[in-house]
């Protein structure tokens, strides 16, 4: 869940990931994923995410993980059989139910794409520009990102309040000077 949210990766990108695609050491840890159209994309990992992945690797892959094994594998098929999307959905719904005991805002129908949507929206709310978000999401077309992200209700009401305040202000056009002449303002007279 942390890897899905922190990277806003597609569920199939995460499930297709092999241990060898992780690069956790160094100044800027990252993972390479294969996105839509077989394009390789880099997901940068924050320290908290790296710590969780390292703990997961140790617990589920042992001291020296096979670089060709799936990061998230199927219990039935072993490390060379990837986990299925229905298994992830079942996992997410299970933990969403438990989390609702503490926070009733968590949806019972939690699914992987909702984590992607949430992260993209949070990036937008934090002031990241839409082009950066589009790049991080792996969208080829900026228009896809524009449709993909909703402006939060709070942001919308703030924007509308700003417009309302502007309407009430008396704004003096900057192109007019004291006598209202554009010619004098532009110093077009000799």
N, C-alpha and C. Protein backbone atom coordinates (compact mmCIF):
# COMPACT_ATOMS: atom_id res chain seq x y z
N UNK A 1 0.83 -1.19 0.00
CA UNK A 1 0.00 0.00 0.00
C UNK A 1 0.87 1.25 0.00
N UNK A 2 1.95 1.22 0.76
CA UNK A 2 2.83 2.40 0.84
C UNK A 2 3.50 2.64 -0.51
N UNK A 3 3.95 1.58 -1.16
CA UNK A 3 4.60 1.73 -2.46
C UNK A 3 3.61 2.24 -3.50
N UNK A 4 2.38 1.73 -3.49
CA UNK A 4 1.36 2.20 -4.43
C UNK A 4 1.09 3.69 -4.23
N UNK A 5 0.86 4.09 -2.98
CA UNK A 5 0.52 5.49 -2.71
C UNK A 5 1.71 6.42 -2.96
N UNK A 6 2.87 6.07 -2.43
CA UNK A 6 4.00 7.01 -2.49
C UNK A 6 4.50 7.25 -3.91
N UNK A 7 4.30 6.29 -4.80
CA UNK A 7 4.76 6.45 -6.18
C UNK A 7 3.64 6.78 -7.16
N UNK A 8 2.39 6.56 -6.75
CA UNK A 8 1.22 6.71 -7.63
C UNK A 8 1.36 5.84 -8.88
N UNK A 9 2.00 4.70 -8.70
CA UNK A 9 2.20 3.79 -9.83
C UNK A 9 0.90 3.03 -10.13
N UNK A 10 0.81 2.55 -11.35
CA UNK A 10 -0.31 1.69 -11.73
C UNK A 10 -0.13 0.33 -11.07
N UNK A 11 -1.23 -0.32 -10.74
CA UNK A 11 -1.15 -1.61 -10.05
C UNK A 11 -0.39 -2.64 -10.89
N UNK A 12 -0.58 -2.65 -12.20
CA UNK A 12 0.13 -3.63 -13.02
C UNK A 12 1.63 -3.35 -13.06
N UNK A 13 2.03 -2.07 -12.94
CA UNK A 13 3.46 -1.73 -12.89
C UNK A 13 4.09 -2.30 -11.62
N UNK A 14 3.36 -2.21 -10.52
CA UNK A 14 3.87 -2.72 -9.24
C UNK A 14 3.89 -4.25 -9.24
N UNK A 15 2.83 -4.86 -9.73
CA UNK A 15 2.77 -6.33 -9.71
C UNK A 15 3.76 -6.97 -10.69
N UNK A 16 4.12 -6.26 -11.74
CA UNK A 16 5.11 -6.78 -12.70
C UNK A 16 6.55 -6.57 -12.22
N UNK A 17 6.74 -5.81 -11.15
CA UNK A 17 8.07 -5.45 -10.69
C UNK A 17 8.81 -6.65 -10.10
N UNK A 18 10.06 -6.76 -10.51
CA UNK A 18 10.93 -7.80 -9.97
C UNK A 18 11.91 -7.15 -9.00
N UNK A 19 12.46 -7.93 -8.11
CA UNK A 19 13.37 -7.42 -7.09
C UNK A 19 14.53 -6.65 -7.72
N UNK A 20 15.02 -7.12 -8.86
CA UNK A 20 16.15 -6.48 -9.53
C UNK A 20 15.84 -5.08 -10.06
N UNK A 21 14.59 -4.69 -10.08
CA UNK A 21 14.22 -3.36 -10.56
C UNK A 21 14.32 -2.31 -9.44
N UNK A 22 14.58 -2.78 -8.22
CA UNK A 22 14.72 -1.88 -7.08
C UNK A 22 16.17 -1.44 -6.94
N UNK A 23 16.35 -0.16 -6.67
CA UNK A 23 17.68 0.41 -6.44
C UNK A 23 17.57 1.25 -5.16
N UNK A 24 17.76 0.57 -4.03
CA UNK A 24 17.46 1.19 -2.74
C UNK A 24 18.64 1.88 -2.08
N UNK A 25 19.84 1.64 -2.58
CA UNK A 25 21.01 2.28 -1.98
C UNK A 25 21.36 3.51 -2.81
N UNK A 26 22.15 4.38 -2.23
CA UNK A 26 22.52 5.60 -2.94
C UNK A 26 21.72 6.77 -2.44
N UNK A 27 22.06 7.95 -2.96
CA UNK A 27 21.42 9.19 -2.50
C UNK A 27 19.94 9.27 -2.89
N UNK A 28 19.62 8.78 -4.08
CA UNK A 28 18.24 8.87 -4.57
C UNK A 28 17.73 7.48 -4.94
N UNK A 29 17.17 6.75 -3.96
CA UNK A 29 16.65 5.41 -4.24
C UNK A 29 15.50 5.49 -5.26
N UNK A 30 15.41 4.45 -6.08
CA UNK A 30 14.37 4.43 -7.11
C UNK A 30 14.05 3.00 -7.51
N UNK A 31 12.99 2.87 -8.27
CA UNK A 31 12.61 1.60 -8.88
C UNK A 31 12.27 1.88 -10.33
N UNK A 32 12.67 0.99 -11.20
CA UNK A 32 12.28 1.10 -12.61
C UNK A 32 11.08 0.20 -12.83
N UNK A 33 10.07 0.72 -13.48
CA UNK A 33 8.89 -0.08 -13.81
C UNK A 33 8.67 -0.02 -15.32
N UNK A 34 7.95 -0.99 -15.78
CA UNK A 34 7.60 -1.01 -17.20
C UNK A 34 6.15 -0.57 -17.29
N UNK A 35 5.95 0.60 -17.87
CA UNK A 35 4.62 1.20 -17.94
C UNK A 35 3.90 0.85 -19.22
N UNK A 36 2.87 1.62 -19.51
CA UNK A 36 2.09 1.41 -20.74
C UNK A 36 2.98 1.54 -21.96
N UNK A 37 2.74 0.71 -22.95
CA UNK A 37 3.53 0.75 -24.17
C UNK A 37 4.95 0.25 -23.97
N UNK A 38 5.16 -0.56 -22.91
CA UNK A 38 6.48 -1.12 -22.59
C UNK A 38 7.55 -0.04 -22.37
N UNK A 39 7.14 1.13 -21.90
CA UNK A 39 8.09 2.20 -21.63
C UNK A 39 8.60 2.08 -20.20
N UNK A 40 9.91 2.18 -20.06
CA UNK A 40 10.52 2.13 -18.74
C UNK A 40 10.37 3.48 -18.08
N UNK A 41 9.93 3.44 -16.84
CA UNK A 41 9.70 4.67 -16.07
C UNK A 41 10.37 4.53 -14.73
N UNK A 42 10.91 5.61 -14.22
CA UNK A 42 11.59 5.61 -12.94
C UNK A 42 10.67 6.17 -11.87
N UNK A 43 10.55 5.42 -10.78
CA UNK A 43 9.77 5.87 -9.62
C UNK A 43 10.76 6.18 -8.51
N UNK A 44 10.83 7.42 -8.09
CA UNK A 44 11.73 7.79 -7.01
C UNK A 44 11.07 7.44 -5.68
N UNK A 45 11.87 6.95 -4.76
CA UNK A 45 11.35 6.43 -3.50
C UNK A 45 11.82 7.29 -2.33
N UNK A 46 10.88 7.65 -1.48
CA UNK A 46 11.18 8.42 -0.29
C UNK A 46 11.73 7.50 0.81
N UNK A 47 12.46 8.05 1.77
CA UNK A 47 13.09 7.22 2.81
C UNK A 47 12.11 6.29 3.55
N UNK A 48 10.92 6.78 3.87
CA UNK A 48 9.95 5.95 4.58
C UNK A 48 9.54 4.74 3.72
N UNK A 49 9.36 4.98 2.44
CA UNK A 49 9.00 3.89 1.52
C UNK A 49 10.14 2.89 1.44
N UNK A 50 11.36 3.38 1.33
CA UNK A 50 12.54 2.50 1.25
C UNK A 50 12.63 1.63 2.51
N UNK A 51 12.41 2.22 3.67
CA UNK A 51 12.47 1.47 4.93
C UNK A 51 11.45 0.33 4.93
N UNK A 52 10.25 0.62 4.46
CA UNK A 52 9.21 -0.43 4.42
C UNK A 52 9.56 -1.52 3.41
N UNK A 53 10.08 -1.12 2.26
CA UNK A 53 10.45 -2.11 1.24
C UNK A 53 11.59 -3.00 1.76
N UNK A 54 12.57 -2.39 2.41
CA UNK A 54 13.68 -3.19 2.96
C UNK A 54 13.19 -4.20 3.99
N UNK A 55 12.29 -3.77 4.84
CA UNK A 55 11.72 -4.67 5.85
C UNK A 55 10.94 -5.80 5.16
N UNK A 56 10.14 -5.44 4.16
CA UNK A 56 9.37 -6.43 3.40
C UNK A 56 10.31 -7.43 2.72
N UNK A 57 11.35 -6.92 2.05
CA UNK A 57 12.30 -7.80 1.37
C UNK A 57 12.93 -8.79 2.34
N UNK A 58 13.35 -8.30 3.47
CA UNK A 58 13.99 -9.17 4.47
C UNK A 58 13.02 -10.26 4.93
N UNK A 59 11.79 -9.87 5.19
CA UNK A 59 10.81 -10.82 5.72
C UNK A 59 10.32 -11.82 4.67
N UNK A 60 10.10 -11.36 3.43
CA UNK A 60 9.49 -12.24 2.43
C UNK A 60 10.45 -12.76 1.36
N UNK A 61 11.66 -12.21 1.30
CA UNK A 61 12.63 -12.67 0.30
C UNK A 61 13.95 -13.13 0.92
N UNK A 62 14.12 -12.97 2.21
CA UNK A 62 15.32 -13.45 2.88
C UNK A 62 16.51 -12.52 2.75
N UNK A 63 17.67 -13.04 3.16
CA UNK A 63 18.91 -12.25 3.20
C UNK A 63 19.42 -11.87 1.81
N UNK A 64 19.34 -12.78 0.86
CA UNK A 64 19.83 -12.48 -0.50
C UNK A 64 18.74 -12.81 -1.52
N UNK A 65 17.85 -11.85 -1.76
CA UNK A 65 16.72 -12.07 -2.67
C UNK A 65 17.17 -12.35 -4.10
N UNK A 66 16.44 -13.23 -4.77
CA UNK A 66 16.67 -13.52 -6.18
C UNK A 66 16.21 -12.30 -6.98
N UNK A 67 17.11 -11.71 -7.75
CA UNK A 67 16.81 -10.49 -8.50
C UNK A 67 15.72 -10.70 -9.56
N UNK A 68 15.50 -11.94 -9.96
CA UNK A 68 14.50 -12.25 -10.99
C UNK A 68 13.14 -12.62 -10.41
N UNK A 69 13.03 -12.64 -9.09
CA UNK A 69 11.75 -12.97 -8.46
C UNK A 69 10.86 -11.74 -8.42
N UNK A 70 9.55 -11.99 -8.43
CA UNK A 70 8.60 -10.89 -8.33
C UNK A 70 8.68 -10.29 -6.93
N UNK A 71 8.62 -8.98 -6.85
CA UNK A 71 8.63 -8.31 -5.56
C UNK A 71 7.43 -8.77 -4.74
N UNK A 72 6.27 -8.75 -5.36
CA UNK A 72 5.04 -9.22 -4.72
C UNK A 72 4.59 -10.48 -5.45
N UNK A 73 4.82 -11.61 -4.82
CA UNK A 73 4.58 -12.89 -5.47
C UNK A 73 3.35 -13.60 -4.90
N UNK A 74 2.93 -14.59 -5.63
CA UNK A 74 1.78 -15.39 -5.24
C UNK A 74 2.21 -16.48 -4.25
N UNK A 75 1.46 -16.66 -3.19
CA UNK A 75 1.77 -17.73 -2.24
C UNK A 75 1.65 -19.10 -2.92
N UNK A 76 0.74 -19.21 -3.85
CA UNK A 76 0.51 -20.49 -4.53
C UNK A 76 1.60 -20.81 -5.56
N UNK A 77 2.05 -19.80 -6.28
CA UNK A 77 3.01 -20.02 -7.36
C UNK A 77 4.46 -19.79 -6.93
N UNK A 78 4.68 -19.17 -5.80
CA UNK A 78 6.04 -18.91 -5.33
C UNK A 78 6.60 -17.62 -5.91
N UNK A 79 7.90 -17.41 -5.71
CA UNK A 79 8.52 -16.13 -6.05
C UNK A 79 8.57 -15.83 -7.54
N UNK A 80 8.35 -16.84 -8.39
CA UNK A 80 8.37 -16.60 -9.84
C UNK A 80 6.96 -16.48 -10.43
N UNK A 81 5.97 -16.39 -9.56
CA UNK A 81 4.59 -16.17 -9.98
C UNK A 81 4.07 -14.90 -9.32
N UNK A 82 3.70 -13.94 -10.11
CA UNK A 82 3.32 -12.64 -9.51
C UNK A 82 1.95 -12.71 -8.84
N UNK A 83 1.78 -11.85 -7.88
CA UNK A 83 0.51 -11.70 -7.18
C UNK A 83 -0.53 -11.18 -8.17
N UNK A 84 -1.78 -11.56 -8.00
CA UNK A 84 -2.84 -11.13 -8.92
C UNK A 84 -3.52 -9.86 -8.40
N UNK A 85 -4.17 -9.16 -9.32
CA UNK A 85 -4.91 -7.95 -8.92
C UNK A 85 -6.06 -8.29 -7.97
N UNK A 86 -6.81 -9.39 -8.20
CA UNK A 86 -7.86 -9.73 -7.22
C UNK A 86 -7.30 -9.98 -5.81
N UNK A 87 -6.09 -10.53 -5.72
CA UNK A 87 -5.48 -10.74 -4.40
C UNK A 87 -5.18 -9.40 -3.73
N UNK A 88 -4.71 -8.43 -4.52
CA UNK A 88 -4.43 -7.09 -3.99
C UNK A 88 -5.74 -6.44 -3.55
N UNK A 89 -6.78 -6.56 -4.37
CA UNK A 89 -8.09 -5.98 -4.02
C UNK A 89 -8.61 -6.55 -2.70
N UNK A 90 -8.46 -7.85 -2.53
CA UNK A 90 -8.91 -8.51 -1.29
C UNK A 90 -8.14 -7.96 -0.09
N UNK A 91 -6.83 -7.83 -0.26
CA UNK A 91 -5.95 -7.29 0.78
C UNK A 91 -6.36 -5.86 1.14
N UNK A 92 -6.57 -5.02 0.13
CA UNK A 92 -6.93 -3.62 0.36
C UNK A 92 -8.27 -3.49 1.08
N UNK A 93 -9.24 -4.28 0.67
CA UNK A 93 -10.56 -4.23 1.30
C UNK A 93 -10.49 -4.69 2.76
N UNK A 94 -9.68 -5.71 3.01
CA UNK A 94 -9.50 -6.21 4.38
C UNK A 94 -8.96 -5.10 5.29
N UNK A 95 -7.91 -4.43 4.85
CA UNK A 95 -7.30 -3.40 5.68
C UNK A 95 -8.12 -2.11 5.70
N UNK A 96 -8.86 -1.84 4.66
CA UNK A 96 -9.76 -0.68 4.67
C UNK A 96 -10.81 -0.87 5.76
N UNK A 97 -11.33 -2.09 5.88
CA UNK A 97 -12.31 -2.40 6.92
C UNK A 97 -11.75 -2.18 8.32
N UNK A 98 -10.51 -2.62 8.53
CA UNK A 98 -9.87 -2.43 9.84
C UNK A 98 -9.59 -0.96 10.11
N UNK A 99 -9.17 -0.23 9.10
CA UNK A 99 -8.85 1.19 9.28
C UNK A 99 -10.09 2.03 9.53
N UNK A 100 -11.23 1.61 9.02
CA UNK A 100 -12.47 2.36 9.22
C UNK A 100 -12.85 2.45 10.70
N UNK A 101 -12.36 1.51 11.50
CA UNK A 101 -12.63 1.55 12.94
C UNK A 101 -12.03 2.83 13.55
N UNK A 102 -10.94 3.32 12.96
CA UNK A 102 -10.26 4.51 13.47
C UNK A 102 -10.60 5.77 12.68
N UNK A 103 -10.90 5.57 11.40
CA UNK A 103 -11.21 6.71 10.53
C UNK A 103 -12.34 6.31 9.58
N UNK A 104 -13.56 6.71 9.89
CA UNK A 104 -14.71 6.30 9.07
C UNK A 104 -14.72 6.86 7.65
N UNK A 105 -13.80 7.79 7.35
CA UNK A 105 -13.73 8.36 6.00
C UNK A 105 -13.10 7.41 4.98
N UNK A 106 -12.44 6.37 5.46
CA UNK A 106 -11.78 5.42 4.54
C UNK A 106 -12.86 4.60 3.84
N UNK A 107 -12.82 4.58 2.51
CA UNK A 107 -13.86 3.85 1.77
C UNK A 107 -13.71 2.34 1.91
N UNK A 108 -14.82 1.65 2.05
CA UNK A 108 -14.79 0.19 2.13
C UNK A 108 -14.38 -0.43 0.81
N UNK A 109 -14.68 0.25 -0.28
CA UNK A 109 -14.35 -0.29 -1.61
C UNK A 109 -12.98 0.20 -2.09
N UNK A 110 -12.03 0.32 -1.17
CA UNK A 110 -10.68 0.77 -1.50
C UNK A 110 -10.09 -0.12 -2.58
N UNK A 111 -9.49 0.51 -3.58
CA UNK A 111 -8.83 -0.24 -4.65
C UNK A 111 -7.55 0.50 -5.03
N UNK A 112 -6.67 -0.19 -5.74
CA UNK A 112 -5.34 0.34 -6.04
C UNK A 112 -5.39 1.67 -6.79
N UNK A 113 -6.30 1.80 -7.74
CA UNK A 113 -6.33 3.03 -8.54
C UNK A 113 -6.75 4.23 -7.69
N UNK A 114 -7.51 3.98 -6.63
CA UNK A 114 -7.90 5.06 -5.73
C UNK A 114 -6.67 5.64 -5.01
N UNK A 115 -5.69 4.78 -4.71
CA UNK A 115 -4.45 5.27 -4.10
C UNK A 115 -3.69 6.14 -5.09
N UNK A 116 -3.69 5.74 -6.36
CA UNK A 116 -3.04 6.54 -7.41
C UNK A 116 -3.73 7.89 -7.56
N UNK A 117 -5.06 7.87 -7.62
CA UNK A 117 -5.84 9.11 -7.71
C UNK A 117 -5.55 10.03 -6.52
N UNK A 118 -5.54 9.43 -5.33
CA UNK A 118 -5.33 10.22 -4.12
C UNK A 118 -3.97 10.89 -4.12
N UNK A 119 -2.93 10.15 -4.48
CA UNK A 119 -1.58 10.72 -4.49
C UNK A 119 -1.49 11.86 -5.51
N UNK A 120 -2.05 11.64 -6.69
CA UNK A 120 -2.02 12.69 -7.71
C UNK A 120 -2.75 13.94 -7.22
N UNK A 121 -3.88 13.76 -6.57
CA UNK A 121 -4.62 14.91 -6.02
C UNK A 121 -3.84 15.60 -4.91
N UNK A 122 -3.16 14.82 -4.08
CA UNK A 122 -2.37 15.40 -3.00
C UNK A 122 -1.18 16.18 -3.55
N UNK A 123 -0.56 15.67 -4.61
CA UNK A 123 0.52 16.42 -5.26
C UNK A 123 -0.01 17.78 -5.75
N UNK A 124 -1.19 17.76 -6.37
CA UNK A 124 -1.79 18.99 -6.87
C UNK A 124 -2.08 19.95 -5.73
N UNK A 125 -2.66 19.45 -4.64
CA UNK A 125 -2.98 20.28 -3.48
C UNK A 125 -1.71 20.85 -2.83
N UNK A 126 -0.61 20.11 -2.93
CA UNK A 126 0.66 20.57 -2.35
C UNK A 126 1.37 21.58 -3.24
N UNK A 127 0.78 21.91 -4.38
CA UNK A 127 1.33 22.94 -5.24
C UNK A 127 2.20 22.44 -6.38
N UNK A 128 2.27 21.14 -6.58
CA UNK A 128 3.05 20.63 -7.70
C UNK A 128 2.33 20.98 -8.99
N UNK A 129 3.08 21.36 -10.02
CA UNK A 129 2.40 21.74 -11.26
C UNK A 129 1.96 20.51 -12.05
N UNK A 130 0.99 20.72 -12.88
CA UNK A 130 0.33 19.62 -13.60
C UNK A 130 1.29 18.88 -14.54
N UNK A 131 2.28 19.58 -15.09
CA UNK A 131 3.25 18.93 -15.97
C UNK A 131 4.12 17.94 -15.18
N UNK A 132 4.52 18.32 -13.98
CA UNK A 132 5.30 17.41 -13.14
C UNK A 132 4.47 16.19 -12.75
N UNK A 133 3.23 16.42 -12.39
CA UNK A 133 2.34 15.32 -12.02
C UNK A 133 2.15 14.38 -13.20
N UNK A 134 1.95 14.94 -14.36
CA UNK A 134 1.79 14.13 -15.58
C UNK A 134 3.01 13.24 -15.81
N UNK A 135 4.19 13.81 -15.63
CA UNK A 135 5.44 13.06 -15.79
C UNK A 135 5.52 11.93 -14.77
N UNK A 136 5.23 12.24 -13.50
CA UNK A 136 5.31 11.23 -12.44
C UNK A 136 4.29 10.11 -12.62
N UNK A 137 3.14 10.45 -13.19
CA UNK A 137 2.11 9.43 -13.42
C UNK A 137 2.39 8.58 -14.66
N UNK A 138 3.34 9.05 -15.47
CA UNK A 138 3.66 8.31 -16.69
C UNK A 138 2.68 8.55 -17.81
N UNK A 139 2.02 9.70 -17.78
CA UNK A 139 1.09 10.04 -18.85
C UNK A 139 1.86 10.61 -20.03
N UNK A 140 1.55 10.11 -21.20
CA UNK A 140 2.22 10.61 -22.40
C UNK A 140 1.66 11.96 -22.81
N UNK A 141 0.38 12.16 -22.54
CA UNK A 141 -0.32 13.37 -22.95
C UNK A 141 -0.76 14.15 -21.71
N UNK A 142 -0.44 15.43 -21.65
CA UNK A 142 -0.82 16.27 -20.51
C UNK A 142 -2.34 16.32 -20.33
N UNK A 143 -3.07 16.24 -21.43
CA UNK A 143 -4.53 16.28 -21.37
C UNK A 143 -5.08 15.13 -20.54
N UNK A 144 -4.42 13.98 -20.57
CA UNK A 144 -4.84 12.83 -19.77
C UNK A 144 -4.80 13.19 -18.29
N UNK A 145 -3.78 13.88 -17.88
CA UNK A 145 -3.64 14.27 -16.48
C UNK A 145 -4.69 15.31 -16.10
N UNK A 146 -4.98 16.22 -17.01
CA UNK A 146 -5.98 17.25 -16.73
C UNK A 146 -7.35 16.63 -16.45
N UNK A 147 -7.69 15.62 -17.20
CA UNK A 147 -8.97 14.94 -17.01
C UNK A 147 -8.92 14.08 -15.76
N UNK A 148 -7.78 13.49 -15.52
CA UNK A 148 -7.56 12.54 -14.44
C UNK A 148 -7.73 13.17 -13.07
N UNK A 149 -7.28 14.42 -12.91
CA UNK A 149 -7.29 15.07 -11.60
C UNK A 149 -8.52 15.95 -11.43
N UNK A 150 -9.15 15.81 -10.30
CA UNK A 150 -10.25 16.68 -9.94
C UNK A 150 -9.72 17.74 -8.99
N UNK A 151 -10.24 18.94 -9.13
CA UNK A 151 -9.91 19.96 -8.14
C UNK A 151 -10.75 19.64 -6.91
N UNK A 152 -10.13 19.66 -5.76
CA UNK A 152 -10.86 19.35 -4.54
C UNK A 152 -11.93 20.40 -4.30
N UNK A 153 -12.95 20.02 -3.57
CA UNK A 153 -14.04 20.94 -3.24
C UNK A 153 -13.50 22.16 -2.49
N UNK A 154 -12.54 21.91 -1.61
CA UNK A 154 -11.95 23.01 -0.84
C UNK A 154 -11.24 24.00 -1.76
N UNK A 155 -10.45 23.47 -2.70
CA UNK A 155 -9.74 24.34 -3.64
C UNK A 155 -10.72 25.11 -4.51
N UNK A 156 -11.78 24.45 -4.93
CA UNK A 156 -12.78 25.09 -5.77
C UNK A 156 -13.45 26.24 -5.02
N UNK A 157 -13.85 26.00 -3.77
CA UNK A 157 -14.51 27.06 -3.02
C UNK A 157 -13.56 28.23 -2.73
N UNK A 158 -12.26 27.92 -2.49
CA UNK A 158 -11.28 28.98 -2.30
C UNK A 158 -11.13 29.83 -3.57
N UNK A 159 -11.10 29.16 -4.71
CA UNK A 159 -10.97 29.87 -5.99
C UNK A 159 -12.18 30.75 -6.24
N UNK A 160 -13.37 30.22 -5.96
CA UNK A 160 -14.59 31.01 -6.16
C UNK A 160 -14.64 32.20 -5.21
N UNK A 161 -14.17 32.02 -3.98
CA UNK A 161 -14.15 33.13 -3.02
C UNK A 161 -13.21 34.22 -3.51
N UNK A 162 -12.09 33.84 -4.08
CA UNK A 162 -11.15 34.82 -4.63
C UNK A 162 -11.81 35.61 -5.75
N UNK A 163 -12.52 34.93 -6.62
CA UNK A 163 -13.21 35.62 -7.71
C UNK A 163 -14.25 36.59 -7.16
N UNK A 164 -14.97 36.18 -6.12
CA UNK A 164 -15.99 37.04 -5.52
C UNK A 164 -15.35 38.29 -4.93
N UNK A 165 -14.20 38.13 -4.27
CA UNK A 165 -13.48 39.28 -3.70
C UNK A 165 -13.02 40.22 -4.81
N UNK A 166 -12.53 39.68 -5.90
CA UNK A 166 -12.06 40.51 -7.01
C UNK A 166 -13.20 41.33 -7.60
N UNK A 167 -14.38 40.74 -7.65
CA UNK A 167 -15.54 41.43 -8.22
C UNK A 167 -15.91 42.65 -7.39
N UNK A 168 -15.69 42.57 -6.08
CA UNK A 168 -16.06 43.65 -5.18
C UNK A 168 -15.03 44.79 -5.17
N UNK A 169 -13.82 44.53 -5.65
CA UNK A 169 -12.77 45.56 -5.64
C UNK A 169 -12.94 46.51 -6.82
N UNK A 170 -12.59 47.76 -6.56
CA UNK A 170 -12.57 48.71 -7.66
C UNK A 170 -11.13 48.73 -8.19
N UNK A 171 -10.97 48.21 -9.35
CA UNK A 171 -9.63 48.10 -9.93
C UNK A 171 -9.44 49.21 -10.96
N UNK A 172 -8.38 49.97 -10.76
CA UNK A 172 -8.07 51.05 -11.69
C UNK A 172 -7.16 50.48 -12.76
N UNK A 173 -7.55 50.58 -14.02
CA UNK A 173 -6.71 50.04 -15.10
C UNK A 173 -5.33 50.68 -15.07
N UNK A 174 -4.30 49.87 -15.15
CA UNK A 174 -2.92 50.36 -15.07
C UNK A 174 -2.53 51.16 -16.30
N UNK A 175 -3.23 50.99 -17.39
CA UNK A 175 -2.84 51.70 -18.60
C UNK A 175 -3.34 53.13 -18.63
N UNK A 176 -4.14 53.52 -17.63
CA UNK A 176 -4.62 54.90 -17.58
C UNK A 176 -3.80 55.69 -16.58
N UNK A 177 -3.47 56.91 -16.95
CA UNK A 177 -2.78 57.78 -16.01
C UNK A 177 -3.79 58.77 -15.43
N UNK A 178 -3.33 59.81 -14.80
CA UNK A 178 -4.21 60.76 -14.11
C UNK A 178 -5.27 61.36 -15.02
N UNK A 179 -4.91 61.68 -16.27
CA UNK A 179 -5.92 62.28 -17.15
C UNK A 179 -6.62 61.25 -18.03
N UNK A 180 -6.29 59.97 -17.83
CA UNK A 180 -6.97 58.91 -18.56
C UNK A 180 -6.48 58.69 -19.96
N UNK A 181 -5.37 59.27 -20.32
CA UNK A 181 -4.87 59.19 -21.68
C UNK A 181 -3.81 58.11 -21.81
N UNK A 182 -4.01 57.22 -22.72
CA UNK A 182 -3.04 56.17 -23.02
C UNK A 182 -1.80 56.76 -23.70
N UNK A 183 -1.99 57.83 -24.46
CA UNK A 183 -0.88 58.47 -25.16
C UNK A 183 0.14 59.01 -24.15
N UNK A 184 -0.35 59.69 -23.12
CA UNK A 184 0.56 60.22 -22.10
C UNK A 184 1.21 59.10 -21.30
N UNK A 185 0.44 58.07 -20.99
CA UNK A 185 0.97 56.96 -20.20
C UNK A 185 2.13 56.28 -20.93
N UNK A 186 2.00 56.11 -22.21
CA UNK A 186 3.06 55.45 -23.00
C UNK A 186 4.15 56.41 -23.44
N UNK A 187 4.03 57.65 -23.04
CA UNK A 187 5.01 58.69 -23.39
C UNK A 187 5.20 58.78 -24.89
N UNK A 188 4.09 58.82 -25.59
CA UNK A 188 4.14 58.89 -27.04
C UNK A 188 4.22 60.32 -27.54
N UNK A 189 4.05 61.28 -26.65
CA UNK A 189 4.14 62.68 -27.06
C UNK A 189 5.59 63.13 -26.99
N UNK A 190 5.97 63.99 -27.93
CA UNK A 190 7.36 64.50 -27.93
C UNK A 190 7.66 65.37 -26.75
